[in-house]
C-alpha atoms as a PDB file:
ATOM      1  CA  MET A   1       5.151 -13.157 -42.617  1.00  0.00           C
ATOM      2  CA  GLU A   2       7.906 -11.316 -44.464  1.00  0.00           C
ATOM      3  CA  ASN A   3      11.238 -13.038 -45.000  1.00  0.00           C
ATOM      4  CA  ALA A   4      14.439 -11.097 -44.443  1.00  0.00           C
ATOM      5  CA  ILE A   5      17.615 -11.057 -46.502  1.00  0.00           C
ATOM      6  CA  TYR A   6      21.047 -10.232 -45.172  1.00  0.00           C
ATOM      7  CA  HIS A   7      23.224  -8.989 -48.023  1.00  0.00           C
ATOM      8  CA  VAL A   8      26.916  -8.215 -47.588  1.00  0.00           C
ATOM      9  CA  SER A   9      29.363  -7.319 -50.350  1.00  0.00           C
ATOM     10  CA  TYR A  10      33.138  -7.315 -50.048  1.00  0.00           C
ATOM     11  CA  LYS A  11      36.432  -7.793 -51.850  1.00  0.00           C
ATOM     12  CA  LEU A  12      38.953 -10.538 -51.242  1.00  0.00           C
ATOM     13  CA  LYS A  13      42.408  -9.771 -49.927  1.00  0.00           C
ATOM     14  CA  LYS A  14      45.055  -9.581 -52.636  1.00  0.00           C
ATOM     15  CA  GLY A  15      46.551 -12.978 -53.398  1.00  0.00           C
ATOM     16  CA  THR A  16      43.574 -14.939 -52.069  1.00  0.00           C
ATOM     17  CA  SER A  17      42.889 -18.093 -54.042  1.00  0.00           C
ATOM     18  CA  ILE A  18      39.292 -18.340 -55.269  1.00  0.00           C
ATOM     19  CA  GLU A  19      39.296 -22.079 -54.486  1.00  0.00           C
ATOM     20  CA  GLU A  20      40.502 -21.480 -50.916  1.00  0.00           C
ATOM     21  CA  PHE A  21      37.953 -18.701 -50.445  1.00  0.00           C
ATOM     22  CA  LEU A  22      35.030 -20.792 -51.747  1.00  0.00           C
ATOM     23  CA  ALA A  23      36.044 -23.707 -49.513  1.00  0.00           C
ATOM     24  CA  ALA A  24      36.209 -21.417 -46.462  1.00  0.00           C
ATOM     25  CA  ALA A  25      32.837 -19.853 -47.335  1.00  0.00           C
ATOM     26  CA  LYS A  26      31.213 -23.290 -47.732  1.00  0.00           C
ATOM     27  CA  ALA A  27      32.639 -24.462 -44.410  1.00  0.00           C
ATOM     28  CA  LEU A  28      31.347 -21.344 -42.623  1.00  0.00           C
ATOM     29  CA  ASN A  29      27.911 -21.777 -44.188  1.00  0.00           C
ATOM     30  CA  ASP A  30      27.690 -25.496 -43.399  1.00  0.00           C
ATOM     31  CA  GLN A  31      29.107 -25.311 -39.872  1.00  0.00           C
ATOM     32  CA  PHE A  32      27.561 -22.046 -38.623  1.00  0.00           C
ATOM     33  CA  ILE A  33      25.245 -20.036 -40.866  1.00  0.00           C
ATOM     34  CA  ALA A  34      22.930 -22.876 -41.933  1.00  0.00           C
ATOM     35  CA  LYS A  35      22.450 -23.847 -38.272  1.00  0.00           C
ATOM     36  CA  GLN A  36      21.042 -20.446 -37.276  1.00  0.00           C
ATOM     37  CA  LYS A  37      17.384 -20.109 -36.299  1.00  0.00           C
ATOM     38  CA  GLY A  38      15.228 -19.177 -39.284  1.00  0.00           C
ATOM     39  CA  TYR A  39      17.919 -19.888 -41.890  1.00  0.00           C
ATOM     40  CA  MET A  40      16.307 -20.633 -45.247  1.00  0.00           C
ATOM     41  CA  SER A  41      18.978 -20.375 -47.961  1.00  0.00           C
ATOM     42  CA  SER A  42      22.137 -18.622 -49.038  1.00  0.00           C
ATOM     43  CA  GLN A  43      23.842 -17.627 -52.246  1.00  0.00           C
ATOM     44  CA  GLN A  44      27.316 -16.411 -53.041  1.00  0.00           C
ATOM     45  CA  LEU A  45      27.508 -13.838 -55.821  1.00  0.00           C
ATOM     46  CA  ASN A  46      30.411 -12.466 -57.840  1.00  0.00           C
ATOM     47  CA  ASP A  47      30.933  -9.490 -60.145  1.00  0.00           C
ATOM     48  CA  GLY A  48      34.579  -9.111 -61.051  1.00  0.00           C
ATOM     49  CA  ASP A  49      36.482  -8.435 -57.836  1.00  0.00           C
ATOM     50  CA  THR A  50      33.331  -7.864 -55.772  1.00  0.00           C
ATOM     51  CA  TRP A  51      31.759 -10.778 -53.924  1.00  0.00           C
ATOM     52  CA  ALA A  52      28.479 -10.849 -52.042  1.00  0.00           C
ATOM     53  CA  ASP A  53      26.664 -13.201 -49.715  1.00  0.00           C
ATOM     54  CA  GLN A  54      22.883 -13.190 -49.725  1.00  0.00           C
ATOM     55  CA  ILE A  55      21.306 -15.126 -46.863  1.00  0.00           C
ATOM     56  CA  THR A  56      17.557 -15.530 -46.477  1.00  0.00           C
ATOM     57  CA  PHE A  57      15.969 -15.882 -43.045  1.00  0.00           C
ATOM     58  CA  ALA A  58      12.364 -16.581 -42.082  1.00  0.00           C
ATOM     59  CA  THR A  59      12.014 -13.269 -40.191  1.00  0.00           C
ATOM     60  CA  MET A  60      13.840 -10.000 -39.589  1.00  0.00           C
ATOM     61  CA  ASP A  61      14.352 -11.051 -35.955  1.00  0.00           C
ATOM     62  CA  ASP A  62      16.126 -14.213 -37.170  1.00  0.00           C
ATOM     63  CA  ALA A  63      18.392 -12.120 -39.421  1.00  0.00           C
ATOM     64  CA  LYS A  64      19.177  -9.691 -36.594  1.00  0.00           C
ATOM     65  CA  ASN A  65      19.953 -12.568 -34.219  1.00  0.00           C
ATOM     66  CA  PHE A  66      22.285 -14.021 -36.835  1.00  0.00           C
ATOM     67  CA  LEU A  67      24.120 -10.695 -37.087  1.00  0.00           C
ATOM     68  CA  ALA A  68      24.445 -10.516 -33.316  1.00  0.00           C
ATOM     69  CA  ASN A  69      26.253 -13.887 -33.436  1.00  0.00           C
ATOM     70  CA  ALA A  70      28.187 -13.355 -36.694  1.00  0.00           C
ATOM     71  CA  GLY A  71      31.300 -12.314 -34.800  1.00  0.00           C
ATOM     72  CA  ASN A  72      31.669 -15.971 -33.859  1.00  0.00           C
ATOM     73  CA  VAL A  73      35.362 -16.490 -33.190  1.00  0.00           C
ATOM     74  CA  SER A  74      35.428 -20.116 -34.298  1.00  0.00           C
ATOM     75  CA  GLU A  75      38.356 -21.327 -36.355  1.00  0.00           C
ATOM     76  CA  THR A  76      36.024 -21.654 -39.356  1.00  0.00           C
ATOM     77  CA  ALA A  77      34.887 -18.023 -39.091  1.00  0.00           C
ATOM     78  CA  GLN A  78      38.442 -16.782 -38.549  1.00  0.00           C
ATOM     79  CA  LYS A  79      39.583 -18.596 -41.715  1.00  0.00           C
ATOM     80  CA  PHE A  80      36.807 -16.987 -43.795  1.00  0.00           C
ATOM     81  CA  TYR A  81      37.360 -13.499 -42.382  1.00  0.00           C
ATOM     82  CA  SER A  82      41.130 -13.792 -42.921  1.00  0.00           C
ATOM     83  CA  LEU A  83      40.530 -14.008 -46.685  1.00  0.00           C
ATOM     84  CA  ILE A  84      38.341 -10.930 -47.150  1.00  0.00           C
ATOM     85  CA  ASN A  85      39.094  -7.223 -46.947  1.00  0.00           C
ATOM     86  CA  LEU A  86      36.945  -6.286 -43.947  1.00  0.00           C
ATOM     87  CA  ASN A  87      37.245  -2.567 -44.810  1.00  0.00           C
ATOM     88  CA  SER A  88      35.404  -3.222 -48.093  1.00  0.00           C
ATOM     89  CA  CYS A  89      32.307  -4.770 -46.455  1.00  0.00           C
ATOM     90  CA  LYS A  90      28.913  -3.190 -47.089  1.00  0.00           C
ATOM     91  CA  GLN A  91      25.998  -4.746 -45.205  1.00  0.00           C
ATOM     92  CA  HIS A  92      22.247  -4.424 -45.664  1.00  0.00           C
ATOM     93  CA  LEU A  93      19.167  -6.058 -44.165  1.00  0.00           C
ATOM     94  CA  PHE A  94      16.126  -6.206 -46.428  1.00  0.00           C
ATOM     95  CA  LEU A  95      12.528  -7.283 -45.919  1.00  0.00           C
ATOM     96  CA  VAL A  96      11.119  -9.322 -48.803  1.00  0.00           C
ATOM     97  CA  LYS A  97       7.966  -7.507 -49.890  1.00  0.00           C
ATOM     98  CA  GLN A  98       7.113  -9.608 -52.923  1.00  0.00           C
ATOM     99  CA  HIS A  99       8.074 -13.058 -54.172  1.00  0.00           C
ATOM    100  CA  SER A 100       8.168 -13.837 -57.894  1.00  0.00           C
ATOM    101  CA  SER A 101       8.680 -17.144 -59.610  1.00  0.00           C
END
């Protein structure tokens, strides 16, 4: 079975505190993302002013189901989305073809 990775990159809104952003991202992960079917792990990446989330799911169907529910309008999701520039988002779904250690 091939795992799937959801990768999304984005920029924060001007004036957003890194500490506030990281707290909102952790809350969203703990309260919503990590509870999704097939969730395996997640990472938050940074390169200058570009941030990225990389979330691994057991299957591509699990990743697609997550995306179908990602518009969750919970207060936690709204807080996270209020801190990022939604126009800067670039999303990709990948199948893991090879694991290395």
